[in-house]
Amino acid sequence: MARLFRLTFLIAVALLINAGVAHAAPITVAEFRWDLFTDNSVPDDPFTLSFFSLTSLWDGPTSVTLTNNELVLPGEPLSLFDDLDPGGFSQLAILGIPGSASTNVSFIFEGQTITLGATLSSPDSFAVLTFDPTPVPEPGTLGLLALGTTLVTLRKRRRRA
């Protein structure tokens, strides 16, 4: 009987360690890119354009709408288009090369508003915004595990008496 109790206890501990936490994979949300275009075809009047693009790369478990996409340049905030749906693309072009560019992307995940941000400090660079959901304990699994361990212990004590 002691052998059965030890085996049950070891199985319970293993389940507690492994099954008590939901394992979630990181979710790729969007890519923020800064591309530069310089036109030197007219030597007296060359110009440079900075292109900023925000592309939705959402690979989460459900469809989602990204909102409040905002591009921030030194000096003044500019807004990218809202409602960047999965697979969507927003682009903004400005004349010249700013010192840096930042973006924020907000979305709702399991009832909570999540905001991710990225800052680019040089042209021809990009950032991938990735969300890593935190592991969440599963109370139902832990409750069943505790109930099973209690029942095995009570059964053992009843047999001794």
N, C-alpha and C. Protein backbone atom coordinates (compact mmCIF):
# COMPACT_ATOMS: atom_id res chain seq x y z
N MET A 1 0.82 -1.20 0.00
CA MET A 1 0.00 0.00 0.00
C MET A 1 0.87 1.27 0.00
N ALA A 2 1.97 1.21 0.76
CA ALA A 2 2.86 2.37 0.82
C ALA A 2 3.45 2.65 -0.56
N ARG A 3 3.70 1.58 -1.30
CA ARG A 3 4.25 1.73 -2.64
C ARG A 3 3.24 2.44 -3.57
N LEU A 4 1.96 2.07 -3.47
CA LEU A 4 0.91 2.70 -4.26
C LEU A 4 0.76 4.17 -3.88
N PHE A 5 0.84 4.44 -2.58
CA PHE A 5 0.72 5.83 -2.12
C PHE A 5 1.88 6.68 -2.65
N ARG A 6 3.10 6.14 -2.60
CA ARG A 6 4.26 6.89 -3.11
C ARG A 6 4.14 7.14 -4.61
N LEU A 7 3.68 6.13 -5.35
CA LEU A 7 3.51 6.29 -6.79
C LEU A 7 2.45 7.35 -7.09
N THR A 8 1.35 7.32 -6.36
CA THR A 8 0.29 8.31 -6.56
C THR A 8 0.80 9.71 -6.23
N PHE A 9 1.58 9.82 -5.16
CA PHE A 9 2.13 11.11 -4.77
C PHE A 9 3.08 11.66 -5.84
N LEU A 10 3.96 10.79 -6.38
CA LEU A 10 4.88 11.24 -7.42
C LEU A 10 4.15 11.67 -8.69
N ILE A 11 3.11 10.94 -9.06
CA ILE A 11 2.31 11.33 -10.23
C ILE A 11 1.63 12.67 -9.98
N ALA A 12 1.11 12.87 -8.78
CA ALA A 12 0.45 14.12 -8.43
C ALA A 12 1.42 15.30 -8.50
N VAL A 13 2.64 15.11 -8.01
CA VAL A 13 3.64 16.18 -8.06
C VAL A 13 4.02 16.49 -9.50
N ALA A 14 4.18 15.44 -10.32
CA ALA A 14 4.52 15.66 -11.73
C ALA A 14 3.41 16.42 -12.45
N LEU A 15 2.17 16.07 -12.18
CA LEU A 15 1.05 16.77 -12.80
C LEU A 15 0.97 18.21 -12.31
N LEU A 16 1.25 18.42 -11.05
CA LEU A 16 1.23 19.77 -10.49
C LEU A 16 2.26 20.66 -11.17
N ILE A 17 3.43 20.11 -11.39
CA ILE A 17 4.50 20.90 -12.01
C ILE A 17 4.20 21.18 -13.48
N ASN A 18 3.72 20.18 -14.22
CA ASN A 18 3.54 20.32 -15.66
C ASN A 18 2.17 20.85 -16.06
N ALA A 19 1.10 20.33 -15.47
CA ALA A 19 -0.25 20.68 -15.94
C ALA A 19 -0.80 21.92 -15.28
N GLY A 20 -0.17 22.42 -14.26
CA GLY A 20 -0.70 23.57 -13.55
C GLY A 20 -0.52 24.88 -14.29
N VAL A 21 0.26 24.89 -15.35
CA VAL A 21 0.54 26.12 -16.09
C VAL A 21 0.22 25.89 -17.56
N ALA A 22 -0.52 26.83 -18.13
CA ALA A 22 -0.81 26.77 -19.56
C ALA A 22 0.42 27.28 -20.31
N HIS A 23 0.87 26.52 -21.27
CA HIS A 23 2.05 26.91 -22.04
C HIS A 23 1.59 27.64 -23.30
N ALA A 24 2.03 28.88 -23.47
CA ALA A 24 1.62 29.69 -24.62
C ALA A 24 2.85 30.09 -25.42
N ALA A 25 2.68 30.08 -26.73
CA ALA A 25 3.77 30.47 -27.63
C ALA A 25 3.71 31.97 -27.89
N PRO A 26 4.84 32.60 -28.16
CA PRO A 26 4.83 34.03 -28.51
C PRO A 26 4.01 34.27 -29.77
N ILE A 27 3.38 35.43 -29.84
CA ILE A 27 2.53 35.80 -30.96
C ILE A 27 3.17 36.97 -31.69
N THR A 28 3.42 36.81 -32.98
CA THR A 28 3.96 37.90 -33.79
C THR A 28 2.81 38.80 -34.18
N VAL A 29 2.88 40.07 -33.79
CA VAL A 29 1.76 40.98 -33.99
C VAL A 29 1.93 41.84 -35.24
N ALA A 30 3.08 42.51 -35.39
CA ALA A 30 3.23 43.44 -36.51
C ALA A 30 4.71 43.68 -36.79
N GLU A 31 4.97 44.25 -37.96
CA GLU A 31 6.32 44.66 -38.32
C GLU A 31 6.29 46.16 -38.63
N PHE A 32 7.25 46.89 -38.07
CA PHE A 32 7.39 48.31 -38.29
C PHE A 32 8.69 48.52 -39.07
N ARG A 33 8.59 49.17 -40.24
CA ARG A 33 9.75 49.29 -41.13
C ARG A 33 9.95 50.75 -41.54
N TRP A 34 11.24 51.12 -41.68
CA TRP A 34 11.61 52.46 -42.15
C TRP A 34 12.50 52.29 -43.37
N ASP A 35 11.97 52.67 -44.54
CA ASP A 35 12.72 52.59 -45.79
C ASP A 35 13.01 54.01 -46.28
N LEU A 36 14.14 54.15 -46.96
CA LEU A 36 14.58 55.46 -47.43
C LEU A 36 14.68 55.44 -48.95
N PHE A 37 14.20 56.51 -49.56
CA PHE A 37 14.30 56.67 -51.01
C PHE A 37 14.92 58.03 -51.30
N THR A 38 16.02 58.06 -52.04
CA THR A 38 16.69 59.31 -52.40
C THR A 38 16.69 59.45 -53.92
N ASP A 39 16.25 60.59 -54.41
CA ASP A 39 16.22 60.85 -55.85
C ASP A 39 17.28 61.90 -56.17
N ASN A 40 18.34 61.48 -56.85
CA ASN A 40 19.41 62.39 -57.25
C ASN A 40 19.37 62.70 -58.74
N SER A 41 18.23 62.45 -59.38
CA SER A 41 18.15 62.65 -60.83
C SER A 41 18.28 64.12 -61.21
N VAL A 42 17.88 65.02 -60.34
CA VAL A 42 18.04 66.46 -60.60
C VAL A 42 19.13 66.95 -59.65
N PRO A 43 20.36 67.17 -60.13
CA PRO A 43 21.47 67.51 -59.24
C PRO A 43 21.24 68.77 -58.40
N ASP A 44 20.51 69.75 -58.94
CA ASP A 44 20.29 70.99 -58.19
C ASP A 44 19.22 70.83 -57.09
N ASP A 45 18.37 69.80 -57.20
CA ASP A 45 17.27 69.65 -56.25
C ASP A 45 17.06 68.18 -55.86
N PRO A 46 18.06 67.57 -55.21
CA PRO A 46 17.85 66.18 -54.77
C PRO A 46 16.90 66.17 -53.57
N PHE A 47 16.18 65.10 -53.43
CA PHE A 47 15.30 64.99 -52.26
C PHE A 47 15.31 63.56 -51.72
N THR A 48 14.96 63.46 -50.45
CA THR A 48 14.92 62.17 -49.78
C THR A 48 13.55 61.99 -49.15
N LEU A 49 12.98 60.82 -49.34
CA LEU A 49 11.70 60.47 -48.72
C LEU A 49 11.92 59.33 -47.73
N SER A 50 11.31 59.45 -46.57
CA SER A 50 11.30 58.36 -45.59
C SER A 50 9.92 57.70 -45.65
N PHE A 51 9.91 56.39 -45.85
CA PHE A 51 8.66 55.63 -45.88
C PHE A 51 8.58 54.80 -44.61
N PHE A 52 7.49 54.97 -43.87
CA PHE A 52 7.25 54.18 -42.67
C PHE A 52 6.06 53.27 -42.94
N SER A 53 6.22 51.99 -42.67
CA SER A 53 5.12 51.07 -42.90
C SER A 53 4.91 50.20 -41.66
N LEU A 54 3.65 49.92 -41.40
CA LEU A 54 3.25 49.04 -40.31
C LEU A 54 2.41 47.94 -40.92
N THR A 55 2.88 46.71 -40.80
CA THR A 55 2.21 45.57 -41.41
C THR A 55 1.76 44.61 -40.33
N SER A 56 0.51 44.22 -40.39
CA SER A 56 -0.01 43.26 -39.42
C SER A 56 0.46 41.86 -39.78
N LEU A 57 1.09 41.19 -38.81
CA LEU A 57 1.56 39.81 -39.01
C LEU A 57 0.90 38.89 -38.00
N TRP A 58 -0.25 39.27 -37.49
CA TRP A 58 -0.91 38.54 -36.40
C TRP A 58 -1.02 37.07 -36.72
N ASP A 59 -0.45 36.23 -35.85
CA ASP A 59 -0.59 34.78 -36.01
C ASP A 59 -1.16 34.17 -34.73
N GLY A 60 -2.01 34.93 -34.07
CA GLY A 60 -2.61 34.47 -32.82
C GLY A 60 -3.70 33.45 -33.06
N PRO A 61 -4.30 32.96 -31.99
CA PRO A 61 -5.31 31.92 -32.10
C PRO A 61 -6.63 32.39 -32.71
N THR A 62 -6.92 33.68 -32.64
CA THR A 62 -8.17 34.20 -33.20
C THR A 62 -7.86 35.45 -34.00
N SER A 63 -8.84 35.89 -34.78
CA SER A 63 -8.64 37.12 -35.53
C SER A 63 -8.73 38.30 -34.56
N VAL A 64 -8.06 39.38 -34.89
CA VAL A 64 -8.01 40.54 -34.00
C VAL A 64 -7.91 41.79 -34.86
N THR A 65 -8.38 42.89 -34.33
CA THR A 65 -8.22 44.17 -35.00
C THR A 65 -7.26 45.01 -34.18
N LEU A 66 -6.19 45.44 -34.81
CA LEU A 66 -5.24 46.32 -34.14
C LEU A 66 -5.77 47.74 -34.26
N THR A 67 -5.72 48.50 -33.18
CA THR A 67 -6.24 49.87 -33.20
C THR A 67 -5.23 50.83 -32.59
N ASN A 68 -5.50 52.10 -32.75
CA ASN A 68 -4.67 53.16 -32.19
C ASN A 68 -3.22 53.05 -32.65
N ASN A 69 -3.03 52.76 -33.90
CA ASN A 69 -1.67 52.69 -34.45
C ASN A 69 -1.18 54.12 -34.62
N GLU A 70 -0.11 54.45 -33.96
CA GLU A 70 0.38 55.83 -33.98
C GLU A 70 1.87 55.85 -34.28
N LEU A 71 2.23 56.70 -35.23
CA LEU A 71 3.63 56.91 -35.57
C LEU A 71 4.06 58.22 -34.94
N VAL A 72 5.14 58.20 -34.19
CA VAL A 72 5.62 59.39 -33.50
C VAL A 72 7.00 59.74 -34.03
N LEU A 73 7.13 60.95 -34.58
CA LEU A 73 8.40 61.46 -35.06
C LEU A 73 8.82 62.60 -34.15
N PRO A 74 10.12 62.87 -34.04
CA PRO A 74 10.56 63.99 -33.20
C PRO A 74 9.89 65.28 -33.63
N GLY A 75 9.24 65.94 -32.71
CA GLY A 75 8.61 67.22 -33.00
C GLY A 75 7.11 67.16 -33.11
N GLU A 76 6.56 66.18 -33.82
CA GLU A 76 5.11 66.13 -33.99
C GLU A 76 4.63 64.69 -34.17
N PRO A 77 3.48 64.35 -33.57
CA PRO A 77 2.92 63.01 -33.76
C PRO A 77 2.13 62.94 -35.07
N LEU A 78 2.34 61.88 -35.79
CA LEU A 78 1.56 61.60 -36.99
C LEU A 78 0.83 60.30 -36.76
N SER A 79 -0.31 60.15 -37.36
CA SER A 79 -1.10 58.95 -37.11
C SER A 79 -1.16 58.08 -38.35
N LEU A 80 -0.88 56.81 -38.17
CA LEU A 80 -1.11 55.84 -39.23
C LEU A 80 -2.60 55.51 -39.22
N PHE A 81 -3.06 54.82 -40.22
CA PHE A 81 -4.47 54.46 -40.29
C PHE A 81 -4.84 53.52 -39.15
N ASP A 82 -6.03 53.71 -38.58
CA ASP A 82 -6.52 52.81 -37.56
C ASP A 82 -7.10 51.55 -38.21
N ASP A 83 -7.46 50.60 -37.37
CA ASP A 83 -8.06 49.34 -37.82
C ASP A 83 -7.16 48.61 -38.81
N LEU A 84 -5.95 48.35 -38.40
CA LEU A 84 -5.02 47.57 -39.21
C LEU A 84 -5.37 46.10 -39.02
N ASP A 85 -6.21 45.58 -39.89
CA ASP A 85 -6.69 44.20 -39.76
C ASP A 85 -5.57 43.21 -40.04
N PRO A 86 -5.74 41.94 -39.60
CA PRO A 86 -4.71 40.93 -39.90
C PRO A 86 -4.41 40.90 -41.40
N GLY A 87 -3.14 40.97 -41.72
CA GLY A 87 -2.73 41.02 -43.12
C GLY A 87 -2.77 42.42 -43.69
N GLY A 88 -3.20 43.40 -42.89
CA GLY A 88 -3.32 44.78 -43.36
C GLY A 88 -1.97 45.49 -43.39
N PHE A 89 -1.97 46.67 -44.00
CA PHE A 89 -0.74 47.40 -44.23
C PHE A 89 -1.05 48.88 -44.19
N SER A 90 -0.28 49.65 -43.44
CA SER A 90 -0.41 51.11 -43.42
C SER A 90 0.94 51.71 -43.73
N GLN A 91 0.94 52.80 -44.51
CA GLN A 91 2.21 53.41 -44.89
C GLN A 91 2.08 54.93 -44.82
N LEU A 92 3.19 55.55 -44.46
CA LEU A 92 3.26 57.00 -44.38
C LEU A 92 4.59 57.44 -44.94
N ALA A 93 4.59 58.47 -45.78
CA ALA A 93 5.83 59.00 -46.36
C ALA A 93 6.01 60.44 -45.93
N ILE A 94 7.24 60.79 -45.55
CA ILE A 94 7.53 62.18 -45.21
C ILE A 94 8.82 62.58 -45.91
N LEU A 95 8.97 63.86 -46.15
CA LEU A 95 10.15 64.39 -46.80
C LEU A 95 11.26 64.53 -45.77
N GLY A 96 12.44 64.02 -46.09
CA GLY A 96 13.58 64.14 -45.20
C GLY A 96 13.82 62.90 -44.36
N ILE A 97 14.78 63.02 -43.43
CA ILE A 97 15.15 61.91 -42.56
C ILE A 97 15.03 62.38 -41.11
N PRO A 98 14.03 61.92 -40.39
CA PRO A 98 13.92 62.30 -38.98
C PRO A 98 14.98 61.61 -38.14
N GLY A 99 15.19 62.10 -36.92
CA GLY A 99 16.19 61.50 -36.04
C GLY A 99 15.83 60.11 -35.59
N SER A 100 14.53 59.84 -35.40
CA SER A 100 14.06 58.51 -35.00
C SER A 100 12.57 58.45 -35.29
N ALA A 101 12.02 57.26 -35.17
CA ALA A 101 10.59 57.07 -35.35
C ALA A 101 10.12 55.98 -34.40
N SER A 102 8.97 56.20 -33.79
CA SER A 102 8.41 55.23 -32.86
C SER A 102 6.99 54.91 -33.27
N THR A 103 6.53 53.73 -32.92
CA THR A 103 5.15 53.37 -33.17
C THR A 103 4.60 52.61 -31.97
N ASN A 104 3.30 52.70 -31.79
CA ASN A 104 2.58 51.94 -30.77
C ASN A 104 1.43 51.23 -31.43
N VAL A 105 1.21 49.97 -31.07
CA VAL A 105 0.11 49.19 -31.59
C VAL A 105 -0.65 48.63 -30.40
N SER A 106 -1.96 48.85 -30.38
CA SER A 106 -2.80 48.33 -29.30
C SER A 106 -3.77 47.31 -29.87
N PHE A 107 -4.07 46.29 -29.07
CA PHE A 107 -5.05 45.28 -29.46
C PHE A 107 -5.63 44.66 -28.20
N ILE A 108 -6.75 44.00 -28.36
CA ILE A 108 -7.40 43.35 -27.22
C ILE A 108 -7.10 41.87 -27.29
N PHE A 109 -6.57 41.33 -26.18
CA PHE A 109 -6.25 39.91 -26.09
C PHE A 109 -6.85 39.37 -24.80
N GLU A 110 -7.79 38.46 -24.93
CA GLU A 110 -8.47 37.85 -23.78
C GLU A 110 -9.02 38.90 -22.83
N GLY A 111 -9.66 39.93 -23.39
CA GLY A 111 -10.32 40.94 -22.57
C GLY A 111 -9.42 42.04 -22.05
N GLN A 112 -8.13 41.98 -22.31
CA GLN A 112 -7.21 43.02 -21.84
C GLN A 112 -6.63 43.77 -23.04
N THR A 113 -6.48 45.08 -22.88
CA THR A 113 -5.85 45.88 -23.93
C THR A 113 -4.34 45.80 -23.77
N ILE A 114 -3.68 45.35 -24.81
CA ILE A 114 -2.22 45.20 -24.82
C ILE A 114 -1.66 46.25 -25.77
N THR A 115 -0.61 46.96 -25.35
CA THR A 115 0.05 47.94 -26.21
C THR A 115 1.51 47.56 -26.37
N LEU A 116 1.94 47.47 -27.61
CA LEU A 116 3.34 47.18 -27.92
C LEU A 116 3.93 48.38 -28.64
N GLY A 117 5.20 48.63 -28.42
CA GLY A 117 5.85 49.76 -29.06
C GLY A 117 7.21 49.39 -29.61
N ALA A 118 7.67 50.17 -30.58
CA ALA A 118 9.00 49.98 -31.15
C ALA A 118 9.54 51.33 -31.58
N THR A 119 10.86 51.49 -31.48
CA THR A 119 11.53 52.71 -31.91
C THR A 119 12.65 52.35 -32.88
N LEU A 120 12.66 53.04 -34.00
CA LEU A 120 13.72 52.87 -34.99
C LEU A 120 14.57 54.13 -34.99
N SER A 121 15.88 53.96 -34.95
CA SER A 121 16.76 55.13 -34.88
C SER A 121 17.57 55.35 -36.15
N SER A 122 17.38 54.49 -37.16
CA SER A 122 18.10 54.69 -38.41
C SER A 122 17.26 54.19 -39.59
N PRO A 123 17.45 54.82 -40.75
CA PRO A 123 16.73 54.37 -41.95
C PRO A 123 17.14 52.95 -42.33
N ASP A 124 16.32 52.34 -43.18
CA ASP A 124 16.53 50.98 -43.66
C ASP A 124 16.65 49.99 -42.51
N SER A 125 15.77 50.13 -41.54
CA SER A 125 15.73 49.20 -40.41
C SER A 125 14.27 48.80 -40.16
N PHE A 126 14.09 47.79 -39.33
CA PHE A 126 12.74 47.34 -39.02
C PHE A 126 12.72 46.71 -37.63
N ALA A 127 11.52 46.59 -37.08
CA ALA A 127 11.32 45.95 -35.78
C ALA A 127 10.09 45.06 -35.88
N VAL A 128 10.18 43.88 -35.30
CA VAL A 128 9.04 42.97 -35.24
C VAL A 128 8.47 43.04 -33.84
N LEU A 129 7.19 43.36 -33.74
CA LEU A 129 6.52 43.48 -32.45
C LEU A 129 5.93 42.12 -32.10
N THR A 130 6.40 41.54 -31.00
CA THR A 130 5.98 40.20 -30.59
C THR A 130 5.41 40.26 -29.19
N PHE A 131 4.30 39.58 -29.00
CA PHE A 131 3.62 39.51 -27.70
C PHE A 131 3.78 38.11 -27.14
N ASP A 132 4.24 38.02 -25.91
CA ASP A 132 4.43 36.73 -25.26
C ASP A 132 3.47 36.63 -24.09
N PRO A 133 2.33 35.93 -24.26
CA PRO A 133 1.37 35.82 -23.17
C PRO A 133 1.99 35.09 -21.98
N THR A 134 1.71 35.58 -20.79
CA THR A 134 2.26 34.95 -19.59
C THR A 134 1.51 33.66 -19.29
N PRO A 135 2.21 32.68 -18.74
CA PRO A 135 1.53 31.44 -18.35
C PRO A 135 0.48 31.71 -17.28
N VAL A 136 -0.66 31.07 -17.42
CA VAL A 136 -1.77 31.26 -16.49
C VAL A 136 -2.06 29.95 -15.78
N PRO A 137 -2.07 29.94 -14.46
CA PRO A 137 -2.41 28.70 -13.75
C PRO A 137 -3.84 28.29 -14.05
N GLU A 138 -4.05 27.00 -14.12
CA GLU A 138 -5.38 26.47 -14.38
C GLU A 138 -5.95 25.92 -13.07
N PRO A 139 -6.85 26.66 -12.41
CA PRO A 139 -7.36 26.23 -11.11
C PRO A 139 -8.11 24.91 -11.16
N GLY A 140 -8.77 24.60 -12.25
CA GLY A 140 -9.51 23.34 -12.35
C GLY A 140 -8.59 22.14 -12.26
N THR A 141 -7.46 22.19 -12.94
CA THR A 141 -6.49 21.10 -12.90
C THR A 141 -5.91 20.94 -11.51
N LEU A 142 -5.55 22.05 -10.90
CA LEU A 142 -4.98 21.98 -9.54
C LEU A 142 -6.01 21.46 -8.55
N GLY A 143 -7.28 21.86 -8.70
CA GLY A 143 -8.34 21.39 -7.80
C GLY A 143 -8.55 19.89 -7.91
N LEU A 144 -8.59 19.37 -9.14
CA LEU A 144 -8.75 17.93 -9.33
C LEU A 144 -7.57 17.16 -8.76
N LEU A 145 -6.39 17.70 -8.93
CA LEU A 145 -5.19 17.07 -8.39
C LEU A 145 -5.25 17.01 -6.87
N ALA A 146 -5.65 18.10 -6.23
CA ALA A 146 -5.76 18.12 -4.76
C ALA A 146 -6.85 17.16 -4.28
N LEU A 147 -7.98 17.11 -4.98
CA LEU A 147 -9.06 16.21 -4.61
C LEU A 147 -8.62 14.75 -4.71
N GLY A 148 -7.94 14.40 -5.78
CA GLY A 148 -7.46 13.02 -5.94
C GLY A 148 -6.46 12.63 -4.86
N THR A 149 -5.54 13.52 -4.55
CA THR A 149 -4.55 13.22 -3.50
C THR A 149 -5.24 13.07 -2.15
N THR A 150 -6.23 13.90 -1.87
CA THR A 150 -6.97 13.80 -0.61
C THR A 150 -7.72 12.48 -0.51
N LEU A 151 -8.37 12.08 -1.59
CA LEU A 151 -9.11 10.81 -1.57
C LEU A 151 -8.19 9.61 -1.37
N VAL A 152 -7.05 9.61 -2.00
CA VAL A 152 -6.09 8.51 -1.83
C VAL A 152 -5.59 8.48 -0.39
N THR A 153 -5.31 9.62 0.20
CA THR A 153 -4.83 9.68 1.58
C THR A 153 -5.91 9.20 2.54
N LEU A 154 -7.17 9.63 2.35
CA LEU A 154 -8.26 9.19 3.22
C LEU A 154 -8.49 7.68 3.11
N ARG A 155 -8.39 7.16 1.91
CA ARG A 155 -8.58 5.72 1.72
C ARG A 155 -7.49 4.94 2.46
N LYS A 156 -6.26 5.43 2.41
CA LYS A 156 -5.15 4.77 3.09
C LYS A 156 -5.39 4.78 4.61
N ARG A 157 -5.81 5.91 5.16
CA ARG A 157 -6.04 6.02 6.59
C ARG A 157 -7.22 5.14 7.03
N ARG A 158 -8.25 5.04 6.21
CA ARG A 158 -9.40 4.22 6.56
C ARG A 158 -9.01 2.74 6.64
N ARG A 159 -8.16 2.28 5.75
CA ARG A 159 -7.72 0.89 5.76
C ARG A 159 -6.89 0.56 6.99
N ARG A 160 -6.09 1.52 7.45
CA ARG A 160 -5.29 1.31 8.66
C ARG A 160 -6.16 1.17 9.89
N ALA A 161 -7.25 1.97 9.91
CA ALA A 161 -8.14 1.93 11.07
C ALA A 161 -8.98 0.69 11.01
